[in-house]
N, C-alpha and C. Protein backbone atom coordinates (compact mmCIF):
# COMPACT_ATOMS: atom_id res chain seq x y z
N MET A 1 -20.62 2.72 15.33
CA MET A 1 -20.48 1.89 16.39
C MET A 1 -21.71 0.87 16.69
N ALA A 2 -21.58 -0.47 16.37
CA ALA A 2 -22.43 -1.21 16.56
C ALA A 2 -22.72 -1.63 18.01
N GLN A 3 -23.75 -2.08 18.65
CA GLN A 3 -24.05 -2.52 20.01
C GLN A 3 -24.77 -3.69 20.00
N THR A 4 -24.54 -4.68 20.81
CA THR A 4 -25.16 -5.84 20.92
C THR A 4 -25.64 -6.06 22.53
N SER A 5 -26.35 -7.01 22.55
CA SER A 5 -26.82 -7.29 24.00
C SER A 5 -25.80 -7.76 24.95
N SER A 6 -25.92 -7.10 26.27
CA SER A 6 -24.85 -7.28 27.12
C SER A 6 -24.77 -8.59 27.55
N ASN A 7 -25.93 -9.40 27.50
CA ASN A 7 -26.04 -11.00 28.15
C ASN A 7 -25.10 -11.74 27.14
N CYS A 8 -24.55 -11.51 26.04
CA CYS A 8 -23.77 -12.26 25.35
C CYS A 8 -22.16 -11.96 25.63
N GLY A 9 -21.88 -11.06 26.34
CA GLY A 9 -20.67 -10.66 26.88
C GLY A 9 -19.98 -9.42 25.85
N LEU A 10 -20.21 -9.46 24.59
CA LEU A 10 -19.76 -8.40 23.63
C LEU A 10 -20.83 -7.34 23.71
N ILE A 11 -20.40 -6.06 24.00
CA ILE A 11 -21.40 -5.09 24.23
C ILE A 11 -21.55 -3.86 23.28
N ALA A 12 -20.06 -4.01 22.55
CA ALA A 12 -20.12 -2.99 21.47
C ALA A 12 -19.02 -3.13 20.47
N VAL A 13 -19.17 -2.91 19.22
CA VAL A 13 -18.01 -2.81 18.23
C VAL A 13 -17.69 -1.35 17.75
N ALA A 14 -16.63 -0.97 17.73
CA ALA A 14 -16.34 0.48 17.17
C ALA A 14 -15.27 0.21 16.01
N TYR A 15 -15.35 0.79 14.80
CA TYR A 15 -14.35 0.78 13.74
C TYR A 15 -13.76 2.41 14.06
N LEU A 16 -12.71 2.36 14.07
CA LEU A 16 -11.69 3.62 14.38
C LEU A 16 -10.79 3.78 13.59
N PRO A 17 -10.47 5.04 12.94
CA PRO A 17 -9.23 5.12 12.09
C PRO A 17 -8.07 5.16 12.98
N HIS A 18 -6.83 4.92 12.27
CA HIS A 18 -5.55 5.21 12.85
C HIS A 18 -4.50 6.09 12.10
N GLY A 19 -5.16 7.15 11.49
CA GLY A 19 -4.25 8.14 10.76
C GLY A 19 -4.04 9.21 11.73
N PRO A 20 -2.94 9.39 12.04
CA PRO A 20 -2.47 10.50 13.11
C PRO A 20 -2.91 12.03 12.74
N MET A 21 -2.97 12.13 11.43
CA MET A 21 -3.30 13.68 11.06
C MET A 21 -4.63 14.04 11.62
N LEU A 22 -5.42 13.14 12.14
CA LEU A 22 -6.79 13.18 12.81
C LEU A 22 -6.73 14.09 14.08
N MET A 23 -5.30 14.22 14.79
CA MET A 23 -5.17 14.59 16.04
C MET A 23 -5.35 15.98 16.12
N ASP A 24 -4.57 16.74 15.10
CA ASP A 24 -4.37 18.18 15.31
C ASP A 24 -5.27 18.77 14.29
N THR A 25 -6.40 18.95 14.47
CA THR A 25 -7.51 19.57 13.65
C THR A 25 -7.51 21.11 13.25
N ASN A 26 -6.49 21.54 13.87
CA ASN A 26 -6.15 23.17 13.78
C ASN A 26 -5.21 23.36 12.52
N GLN A 27 -4.56 22.35 11.91
CA GLN A 27 -3.51 22.40 11.05
C GLN A 27 -4.34 22.61 9.46
N ASP A 28 -3.82 23.31 8.84
CA ASP A 28 -4.34 23.86 7.58
C ASP A 28 -4.08 22.62 6.55
N ASP A 29 -3.28 21.78 6.61
CA ASP A 29 -2.70 20.71 5.71
C ASP A 29 -3.46 19.20 5.99
N ILE A 30 -4.33 19.38 6.61
CA ILE A 30 -5.10 18.02 6.92
C ILE A 30 -6.05 17.79 5.82
N PRO A 31 -6.38 16.42 5.61
CA PRO A 31 -7.06 16.10 4.54
C PRO A 31 -8.40 16.59 4.80
N ASP A 32 -9.29 16.55 3.51
CA ASP A 32 -10.67 16.95 3.54
C ASP A 32 -11.43 15.74 4.60
N GLY A 33 -12.29 16.24 5.39
CA GLY A 33 -12.98 15.41 6.22
C GLY A 33 -12.29 15.02 7.52
N ALA A 34 -11.32 15.29 7.74
CA ALA A 34 -10.66 15.08 8.87
C ALA A 34 -10.97 15.65 10.18
N ARG A 35 -11.41 16.74 9.99
CA ARG A 35 -12.12 17.46 11.19
C ARG A 35 -13.52 16.64 11.49
N SER A 36 -14.18 16.16 10.69
CA SER A 36 -15.53 15.71 10.90
C SER A 36 -15.42 14.16 11.52
N ILE A 37 -14.27 13.56 10.75
CA ILE A 37 -13.92 12.18 11.20
C ILE A 37 -13.70 12.27 13.02
N HIS A 38 -12.62 13.28 13.16
CA HIS A 38 -12.25 13.55 14.51
C HIS A 38 -13.44 13.55 15.46
N SER A 39 -14.33 14.69 14.92
CA SER A 39 -15.44 14.85 15.84
C SER A 39 -16.41 13.56 16.02
N VAL A 40 -16.56 12.63 15.25
CA VAL A 40 -17.17 11.47 15.24
C VAL A 40 -16.57 10.35 16.02
N CYS A 41 -15.18 10.53 16.19
CA CYS A 41 -14.41 9.60 16.94
C CYS A 41 -14.50 10.20 18.29
N MET A 42 -14.79 11.20 18.50
CA MET A 42 -14.86 11.65 19.91
C MET A 42 -16.27 11.39 20.42
N LYS A 43 -17.12 11.51 19.69
CA LYS A 43 -18.54 10.86 20.10
C LYS A 43 -18.60 9.52 20.44
N ILE A 44 -17.93 8.68 19.47
CA ILE A 44 -17.57 7.37 20.03
C ILE A 44 -17.14 7.15 21.43
N SER A 45 -16.11 8.06 21.42
CA SER A 45 -15.15 8.06 22.76
C SER A 45 -15.98 8.12 23.81
N GLN A 46 -17.09 9.03 23.83
CA GLN A 46 -17.97 9.40 24.96
C GLN A 46 -19.00 8.19 25.01
N ARG A 47 -19.46 7.50 23.89
CA ARG A 47 -20.33 6.20 24.02
C ARG A 47 -19.68 5.18 24.79
N ILE A 48 -18.40 5.19 24.50
CA ILE A 48 -17.62 3.88 25.13
C ILE A 48 -17.60 4.20 26.47
N ALA A 49 -17.35 5.53 27.09
CA ALA A 49 -17.17 5.71 28.37
C ALA A 49 -18.49 5.54 29.13
N ASP A 50 -19.51 5.87 28.32
CA ASP A 50 -20.75 5.56 28.83
C ASP A 50 -21.13 3.94 29.00
N LEU A 51 -20.59 3.25 28.35
CA LEU A 51 -20.82 1.87 28.30
C LEU A 51 -19.98 1.19 29.47
N LYS A 52 -19.04 1.94 29.89
CA LYS A 52 -18.07 1.56 31.06
C LYS A 52 -17.33 0.03 31.01
N PRO A 53 -16.89 -0.09 29.86
CA PRO A 53 -16.48 -1.64 29.51
C PRO A 53 -15.49 -2.14 30.53
N ASP A 54 -15.41 -3.44 30.85
CA ASP A 54 -14.27 -4.23 31.48
C ASP A 54 -13.25 -4.40 30.69
N LEU A 55 -13.42 -4.63 29.51
CA LEU A 55 -12.42 -5.13 28.57
C LEU A 55 -12.47 -4.55 27.31
N ILE A 56 -11.35 -4.03 26.72
CA ILE A 56 -11.20 -3.52 25.34
C ILE A 56 -10.50 -4.23 24.58
N VAL A 57 -10.90 -5.00 23.47
CA VAL A 57 -9.85 -5.58 22.49
C VAL A 57 -9.57 -4.83 21.25
N LEU A 58 -8.49 -4.35 21.17
CA LEU A 58 -8.18 -3.59 20.02
C LEU A 58 -7.50 -4.55 18.90
N SER A 59 -8.18 -4.67 17.59
CA SER A 59 -7.78 -5.38 16.66
C SER A 59 -7.19 -4.54 15.51
N THR A 60 -5.84 -4.47 15.08
CA THR A 60 -5.44 -3.77 14.12
C THR A 60 -4.89 -4.35 13.11
N PRO A 61 -4.77 -3.81 11.63
CA PRO A 61 -4.35 -4.42 10.76
C PRO A 61 -3.03 -3.92 10.47
N HIS A 62 -2.47 -2.92 11.10
CA HIS A 62 -1.23 -2.18 10.90
C HIS A 62 -0.14 -2.16 12.17
N GLY A 63 -0.32 -3.18 13.04
CA GLY A 63 0.35 -3.00 14.46
C GLY A 63 1.62 -4.02 14.08
N LEU A 64 2.10 -4.76 15.02
CA LEU A 64 3.18 -5.26 14.98
C LEU A 64 2.79 -6.85 14.54
N GLY A 65 2.64 -6.74 13.15
CA GLY A 65 2.05 -8.15 12.55
C GLY A 65 3.14 -9.05 12.35
N LEU A 66 2.76 -10.22 12.36
CA LEU A 66 3.34 -11.59 11.71
C LEU A 66 2.95 -11.84 10.42
N ARG A 67 3.85 -12.42 9.42
CA ARG A 67 3.46 -12.61 8.30
C ARG A 67 2.19 -13.36 8.21
N GLN A 68 2.05 -14.59 8.85
CA GLN A 68 0.94 -15.57 8.51
C GLN A 68 0.30 -15.64 9.57
N ALA A 69 0.54 -15.04 10.92
CA ALA A 69 -0.17 -15.49 12.12
C ALA A 69 -0.96 -14.32 12.75
N VAL A 70 -1.86 -14.44 13.51
CA VAL A 70 -2.42 -13.45 14.52
C VAL A 70 -1.36 -13.23 15.57
N ASN A 71 -1.14 -11.92 15.92
CA ASN A 71 -0.32 -11.71 17.08
C ASN A 71 -0.88 -11.00 18.20
N ILE A 72 -0.96 -11.74 19.44
CA ILE A 72 -1.53 -11.24 20.43
C ILE A 72 -0.42 -10.45 21.36
N TYR A 73 -0.39 -9.32 21.64
CA TYR A 73 0.65 -8.57 22.35
C TYR A 73 0.42 -8.98 23.76
N GLN A 74 1.75 -9.49 24.61
CA GLN A 74 1.96 -9.74 25.79
C GLN A 74 2.51 -8.80 26.66
N ALA A 75 2.08 -8.54 27.88
CA ALA A 75 2.66 -7.59 28.61
C ALA A 75 4.34 -8.06 28.88
N GLY A 76 5.00 -7.03 29.23
CA GLY A 76 6.36 -7.11 29.44
C GLY A 76 6.66 -7.85 30.90
N ALA A 77 7.51 -8.61 31.14
CA ALA A 77 7.79 -9.26 32.61
C ALA A 77 8.08 -8.20 33.55
N LEU A 78 8.62 -6.98 33.15
CA LEU A 78 9.18 -6.12 34.19
C LEU A 78 7.81 -5.00 34.38
N SER A 79 6.74 -5.04 33.41
CA SER A 79 5.79 -4.10 33.81
C SER A 79 4.70 -4.26 32.72
N ASN A 80 3.44 -4.11 33.10
CA ASN A 80 2.23 -4.30 32.16
C ASN A 80 2.02 -3.04 31.29
N LYS A 81 2.80 -1.94 31.71
CA LYS A 81 2.63 -0.50 31.10
C LYS A 81 3.26 -0.70 29.43
N THR A 82 2.65 -0.01 28.77
CA THR A 82 3.20 0.16 27.52
C THR A 82 2.61 1.58 26.98
N SER A 83 3.46 2.11 25.98
CA SER A 83 3.02 3.47 25.35
C SER A 83 3.53 3.70 24.11
N GLY A 84 3.22 4.93 23.65
CA GLY A 84 3.61 5.31 22.09
C GLY A 84 2.87 6.60 21.94
N SER A 85 3.65 7.02 20.63
CA SER A 85 3.15 8.42 20.46
C SER A 85 2.41 8.30 18.94
N PHE A 86 1.98 9.53 18.42
CA PHE A 86 1.56 9.30 17.10
C PHE A 86 2.42 9.67 16.24
N GLU A 87 3.71 9.78 16.34
CA GLU A 87 4.55 10.28 15.49
C GLU A 87 4.47 9.82 14.28
N TRP A 88 4.42 10.53 13.10
CA TRP A 88 4.39 10.12 11.75
C TRP A 88 4.86 11.39 10.87
N ASN A 89 5.84 11.19 10.14
CA ASN A 89 6.53 12.04 9.11
C ASN A 89 6.99 13.31 10.09
N ASN A 90 7.70 12.93 11.20
CA ASN A 90 8.14 13.94 12.13
C ASN A 90 7.26 14.84 12.65
N ARG A 91 5.97 14.38 12.74
CA ARG A 91 4.96 15.23 13.30
C ARG A 91 4.01 14.39 14.36
N TYR A 92 3.35 15.11 15.28
CA TYR A 92 2.42 14.53 16.11
C TYR A 92 3.16 13.83 17.23
N GLN A 93 4.38 14.22 17.63
CA GLN A 93 5.11 13.56 18.60
C GLN A 93 4.40 13.89 19.97
N GLU A 94 3.84 15.14 20.20
CA GLU A 94 3.12 15.33 21.30
C GLU A 94 1.98 14.72 21.74
N TYR A 95 1.23 13.99 20.94
CA TYR A 95 0.08 13.23 21.27
C TYR A 95 0.39 11.73 21.48
N GLY A 96 -0.31 11.08 22.38
CA GLY A 96 -0.02 10.00 22.84
C GLY A 96 -0.73 9.18 23.62
N VAL A 97 -0.55 7.68 24.17
CA VAL A 97 -1.16 7.11 25.06
C VAL A 97 -0.14 6.19 25.83
N GLU A 98 -0.67 6.01 27.11
CA GLU A 98 0.00 5.11 28.00
C GLU A 98 -1.19 4.20 28.77
N ILE A 99 -1.01 2.89 28.65
CA ILE A 99 -1.78 1.89 28.88
C ILE A 99 -1.17 0.93 29.76
N GLU A 100 -2.09 -0.01 30.46
CA GLU A 100 -1.53 -1.16 30.87
C GLU A 100 -2.24 -2.37 30.13
N LEU A 101 -1.46 -3.22 29.39
CA LEU A 101 -2.00 -4.58 28.83
C LEU A 101 -2.33 -5.53 29.96
N ASP A 102 -3.51 -6.13 29.62
CA ASP A 102 -3.88 -6.99 30.89
C ASP A 102 -3.20 -8.31 30.55
N GLN A 103 -2.22 -8.59 31.22
CA GLN A 103 -1.25 -9.90 31.07
C GLN A 103 -2.14 -11.12 31.12
N GLU A 104 -3.15 -11.18 32.29
CA GLU A 104 -3.73 -12.36 32.39
C GLU A 104 -4.93 -12.75 31.33
N ALA A 105 -5.57 -11.76 30.97
CA ALA A 105 -6.46 -11.68 29.99
C ALA A 105 -5.64 -11.95 28.38
N SER A 106 -4.75 -11.40 28.31
CA SER A 106 -3.97 -11.69 27.07
C SER A 106 -3.39 -13.04 26.89
N ARG A 107 -3.01 -13.55 28.12
CA ARG A 107 -2.50 -14.89 27.87
C ARG A 107 -3.64 -15.90 27.84
N ASP A 108 -4.86 -15.71 28.66
CA ASP A 108 -5.98 -16.53 28.44
C ASP A 108 -6.58 -16.60 27.11
N LEU A 109 -6.51 -15.30 26.33
CA LEU A 109 -6.98 -15.31 24.91
C LEU A 109 -6.02 -16.32 24.07
N TYR A 110 -4.91 -16.09 24.34
CA TYR A 110 -3.99 -16.65 23.33
C TYR A 110 -4.24 -18.25 23.51
N PHE A 111 -4.35 -18.73 24.96
CA PHE A 111 -4.56 -20.13 24.98
C PHE A 111 -5.85 -20.65 24.51
N HIS A 112 -6.93 -19.81 24.67
CA HIS A 112 -8.10 -20.14 24.17
C HIS A 112 -8.16 -20.22 22.53
N LEU A 113 -7.60 -19.36 21.90
CA LEU A 113 -7.50 -19.31 20.30
C LEU A 113 -6.48 -20.30 19.67
N GLN A 114 -5.51 -20.62 20.66
CA GLN A 114 -4.76 -21.87 20.27
C GLN A 114 -5.54 -23.23 19.91
N LYS A 115 -6.52 -23.28 20.91
CA LYS A 115 -7.38 -24.50 20.96
C LYS A 115 -8.32 -24.60 19.84
N LYS A 116 -8.42 -23.26 19.11
CA LYS A 116 -9.50 -23.29 17.82
C LYS A 116 -8.62 -23.24 16.29
N LYS A 117 -7.57 -24.02 16.61
CA LYS A 117 -6.84 -24.13 15.21
C LYS A 117 -7.27 -24.48 14.27
N HIS A 118 -8.63 -25.49 14.20
CA HIS A 118 -9.34 -25.83 13.11
C HIS A 118 -10.11 -24.82 12.56
N CYS A 119 -10.30 -23.72 13.05
CA CYS A 119 -11.20 -22.49 12.59
C CYS A 119 -10.63 -21.28 12.32
N LEU A 120 -9.20 -21.14 12.91
CA LEU A 120 -8.67 -19.50 12.88
C LEU A 120 -7.19 -19.90 12.16
N PRO A 121 -6.72 -18.90 11.78
CA PRO A 121 -5.41 -18.85 11.44
C PRO A 121 -4.42 -19.02 12.53
N GLN A 122 -3.07 -19.09 12.22
CA GLN A 122 -2.11 -19.37 13.38
C GLN A 122 -2.16 -18.10 14.37
N VAL A 123 -2.12 -18.59 15.65
CA VAL A 123 -1.98 -17.37 16.71
C VAL A 123 -0.65 -17.59 17.42
N GLU A 124 0.02 -16.21 17.76
CA GLU A 124 1.21 -16.10 18.33
C GLU A 124 1.11 -15.39 19.39
N ALA A 125 1.90 -15.26 20.47
CA ALA A 125 1.91 -14.30 21.48
C ALA A 125 3.32 -13.51 21.49
N MET A 126 3.48 -12.35 21.32
CA MET A 126 4.75 -11.61 20.99
C MET A 126 5.04 -11.02 22.48
N VAL A 127 6.16 -11.20 22.85
CA VAL A 127 6.69 -10.49 24.11
C VAL A 127 8.00 -9.89 23.55
N ALA A 128 8.08 -8.60 24.14
CA ALA A 128 9.38 -7.92 23.86
C ALA A 128 10.56 -8.15 24.28
N PHE A 129 11.61 -7.94 23.74
CA PHE A 129 13.12 -8.52 24.29
C PHE A 129 13.25 -8.29 25.76
N ALA A 130 13.80 -9.16 26.38
CA ALA A 130 14.17 -8.96 27.70
C ALA A 130 13.18 -8.62 28.67
N GLY A 131 11.89 -8.88 28.15
CA GLY A 131 10.55 -8.53 28.99
C GLY A 131 10.33 -7.08 29.21
N LEU A 132 10.98 -6.30 28.19
CA LEU A 132 10.56 -5.01 28.07
C LEU A 132 9.33 -4.77 27.61
N ASN A 133 8.56 -3.71 27.75
CA ASN A 133 7.20 -3.31 27.05
C ASN A 133 7.37 -3.11 25.60
N THR A 134 6.49 -3.72 25.09
CA THR A 134 6.13 -3.69 23.55
C THR A 134 5.72 -2.22 23.09
N PRO A 135 6.58 -1.76 22.27
CA PRO A 135 6.18 -0.24 21.92
C PRO A 135 5.23 -0.20 20.88
N LEU A 136 4.25 0.74 21.02
CA LEU A 136 3.08 1.21 20.37
C LEU A 136 3.46 2.37 19.42
N MET A 137 2.83 2.04 18.34
CA MET A 137 3.16 3.21 17.37
C MET A 137 1.59 3.76 17.00
N TRP A 138 1.47 4.50 15.95
CA TRP A 138 0.10 5.19 15.52
C TRP A 138 -0.96 4.42 15.20
N ALA A 139 -0.55 3.15 14.73
CA ALA A 139 -1.82 2.16 14.41
C ALA A 139 -2.32 1.40 15.56
N GLU A 140 -1.65 1.52 16.62
CA GLU A 140 -2.45 1.15 17.92
C GLU A 140 -2.72 2.43 18.73
N VAL A 141 -1.73 3.28 18.75
CA VAL A 141 -2.16 4.60 19.61
C VAL A 141 -3.39 5.47 19.13
N VAL A 142 -3.57 5.62 17.83
CA VAL A 142 -4.58 6.47 17.53
C VAL A 142 -6.00 5.89 17.82
N PRO A 143 -6.51 4.46 17.51
CA PRO A 143 -7.64 4.10 18.15
C PRO A 143 -7.80 3.91 19.52
N LEU A 144 -6.72 3.69 20.15
CA LEU A 144 -6.59 3.62 21.46
C LEU A 144 -6.85 5.07 22.17
N TYR A 145 -6.28 6.06 21.70
CA TYR A 145 -6.54 7.35 22.03
C TYR A 145 -8.05 7.69 22.04
N PHE A 146 -8.69 7.16 20.92
CA PHE A 146 -10.02 7.79 20.61
C PHE A 146 -10.89 6.67 21.93
N VAL A 147 -10.65 5.53 21.92
CA VAL A 147 -11.29 4.58 22.78
C VAL A 147 -11.37 5.10 24.17
N LEU A 148 -9.89 5.60 24.52
CA LEU A 148 -9.88 5.94 25.99
C LEU A 148 -9.79 7.38 26.32
N HIS A 149 -10.01 8.28 25.25
CA HIS A 149 -10.05 9.70 25.74
C HIS A 149 -11.02 10.14 26.98
N GLN A 150 -12.36 9.66 26.83
CA GLN A 150 -13.32 10.07 27.60
C GLN A 150 -13.14 9.46 28.93
N LEU A 151 -12.90 8.08 28.79
CA LEU A 151 -12.41 7.26 30.20
C LEU A 151 -11.34 7.99 30.83
N ALA A 152 -10.39 8.63 30.21
CA ALA A 152 -9.32 9.23 30.99
C ALA A 152 -9.67 10.65 31.43
N SER A 153 -10.52 11.39 30.77
CA SER A 153 -10.95 12.51 31.15
C SER A 153 -11.80 12.57 32.53
N THR A 154 -11.57 13.47 33.34
CA THR A 154 -12.18 13.67 34.67
C THR A 154 -13.61 14.25 34.32
N PRO A 155 -14.87 14.08 34.97
CA PRO A 155 -16.09 14.56 34.97
C PRO A 155 -15.97 16.02 34.47
N THR A 156 -15.07 16.49 35.54
CA THR A 156 -15.27 18.25 35.56
C THR A 156 -14.27 18.68 34.63
N ASP A 157 -13.48 18.06 33.85
CA ASP A 157 -12.44 18.29 32.88
C ASP A 157 -12.77 17.86 31.42
N SER A 158 -13.43 18.76 30.60
CA SER A 158 -13.91 18.31 29.41
C SER A 158 -12.69 18.97 28.39
N THR A 159 -11.45 19.16 28.77
CA THR A 159 -10.65 19.70 27.77
C THR A 159 -10.13 18.47 26.83
N TYR A 160 -9.47 18.94 25.86
CA TYR A 160 -8.86 17.92 24.90
C TYR A 160 -7.76 17.59 25.31
N LEU A 161 -7.39 16.38 25.64
CA LEU A 161 -6.04 15.66 26.08
C LEU A 161 -5.19 15.45 24.82
N LYS A 162 -3.94 15.87 25.01
CA LYS A 162 -2.97 15.36 24.08
C LYS A 162 -2.39 14.06 24.31
N HIS A 163 -2.26 13.75 25.66
CA HIS A 163 -1.69 12.39 26.10
C HIS A 163 -2.72 11.90 26.78
N VAL A 164 -3.18 10.58 26.64
CA VAL A 164 -4.26 9.81 27.37
C VAL A 164 -3.76 8.71 28.06
N SER A 165 -3.88 8.86 29.46
CA SER A 165 -3.17 7.64 30.23
C SER A 165 -4.15 7.10 31.15
N VAL A 166 -4.52 5.63 31.14
CA VAL A 166 -5.11 5.20 31.87
C VAL A 166 -4.73 4.01 32.34
N LYS A 167 -4.73 3.82 33.65
CA LYS A 167 -3.97 2.84 34.57
C LYS A 167 -4.80 2.00 35.29
N THR A 168 -6.05 1.96 35.35
CA THR A 168 -6.68 1.04 35.83
C THR A 168 -8.01 0.29 34.92
N SER A 169 -9.10 0.51 35.10
CA SER A 169 -9.89 -0.25 34.25
C SER A 169 -10.24 0.59 32.93
N PRO A 170 -10.61 0.19 31.96
CA PRO A 170 -10.69 -1.24 31.46
C PRO A 170 -9.49 -1.92 31.06
N LYS A 171 -9.69 -3.30 31.33
CA LYS A 171 -8.51 -4.34 30.77
C LYS A 171 -8.21 -4.10 29.21
N ILE A 172 -7.18 -4.18 28.88
CA ILE A 172 -6.87 -4.00 27.31
C ILE A 172 -6.13 -5.29 26.85
N ILE A 173 -6.50 -5.44 25.53
CA ILE A 173 -5.68 -6.65 25.00
C ILE A 173 -5.64 -5.90 23.60
N ILE A 174 -4.48 -6.35 22.96
CA ILE A 174 -3.96 -5.76 21.49
C ILE A 174 -3.57 -7.17 20.61
N ILE A 175 -4.40 -6.98 19.41
CA ILE A 175 -4.35 -8.15 18.50
C ILE A 175 -3.86 -7.37 17.22
N ALA A 176 -2.86 -7.83 16.58
CA ALA A 176 -2.24 -7.45 15.28
C ALA A 176 -2.69 -8.42 14.40
N GLN A 177 -3.19 -8.10 13.07
CA GLN A 177 -3.48 -8.99 12.01
C GLN A 177 -2.52 -9.62 11.25
N PRO A 178 -2.66 -10.77 10.54
CA PRO A 178 -1.58 -11.17 9.87
C PRO A 178 -1.05 -10.19 8.68
N GLU A 179 0.02 -10.17 8.24
CA GLU A 179 0.29 -9.41 7.01
C GLU A 179 -0.43 -9.73 5.86
N LEU A 180 -0.77 -11.08 5.57
CA LEU A 180 -1.14 -11.49 4.56
C LEU A 180 -2.84 -11.13 4.32
N GLY A 181 -3.27 -10.34 5.17
CA GLY A 181 -4.72 -9.89 4.97
C GLY A 181 -5.72 -10.47 5.28
N LEU A 182 -5.79 -11.21 6.49
CA LEU A 182 -7.11 -12.07 6.91
C LEU A 182 -8.22 -11.01 7.77
N THR A 183 -7.89 -9.77 7.58
CA THR A 183 -8.62 -8.91 8.74
C THR A 183 -10.10 -9.41 8.72
N GLY A 184 -10.91 -9.38 7.50
CA GLY A 184 -12.22 -9.53 7.64
C GLY A 184 -12.56 -10.98 8.08
N LYS A 185 -12.04 -11.84 7.48
CA LYS A 185 -12.13 -13.41 7.69
C LYS A 185 -11.88 -13.42 9.39
N PHE A 186 -10.68 -12.96 9.79
CA PHE A 186 -10.19 -13.13 11.27
C PHE A 186 -11.45 -12.75 12.11
N ASN A 187 -11.70 -11.46 11.96
CA ASN A 187 -12.52 -10.65 12.93
C ASN A 187 -14.12 -11.29 13.04
N THR A 188 -14.66 -11.90 11.90
CA THR A 188 -15.82 -12.44 11.70
C THR A 188 -15.75 -13.77 12.73
N ILE A 189 -14.56 -14.77 12.49
CA ILE A 189 -14.55 -15.77 13.33
C ILE A 189 -14.31 -15.40 14.86
N PHE A 190 -13.30 -14.42 14.80
CA PHE A 190 -12.83 -14.00 16.29
C PHE A 190 -14.03 -13.68 17.15
N TYR A 191 -14.90 -12.73 16.63
CA TYR A 191 -16.10 -12.16 17.36
C TYR A 191 -16.95 -13.42 17.51
N ASN A 192 -17.02 -14.42 16.81
CA ASN A 192 -17.99 -15.68 17.05
C ASN A 192 -17.49 -16.47 18.26
N GLU A 193 -16.15 -16.36 18.49
CA GLU A 193 -15.43 -17.12 19.24
C GLU A 193 -15.58 -16.44 20.79
N ILE A 194 -15.50 -15.19 21.03
CA ILE A 194 -15.77 -14.79 22.21
C ILE A 194 -16.97 -14.13 22.79
């Protein structure tokens, strides 16, 4: 996890995995190294909690991506809540997250990036059908789980949560990378713009 000066707005960047097999480290068939990756991710979760962020921006290469455009998830008209499980290969359904997307921050980011067309790929804002919530899958849920785990835990409760629910601070924005693989280039430009 890289950390920068708080006077520039961006206080930290964490690179987290999105593989659901990291969640249940008691299984015999998890890949080599999964237990140690899980442990490191939980330490990152604690560092994030210690930073007390106001806003978390999740950028994922495997979310609800568009072919040639960056996708900023928008909250549904009926509710800002969205959730998902880690389900993968009919396993890990008992693990999940429930969050509230920050509607105003997501919309503001969309309009801000629309003005940067000269240096960014196309940017779109996706809204689920009929104002319903955008569903989350493991590519968003796993990193959000690690980001939010310690923020969702109470100071007196150090138990391992299977389901993380954060309904207040911090604000959350989710961005999916384009299918055509602009992840590195987009992230470099994006972090310079915010």
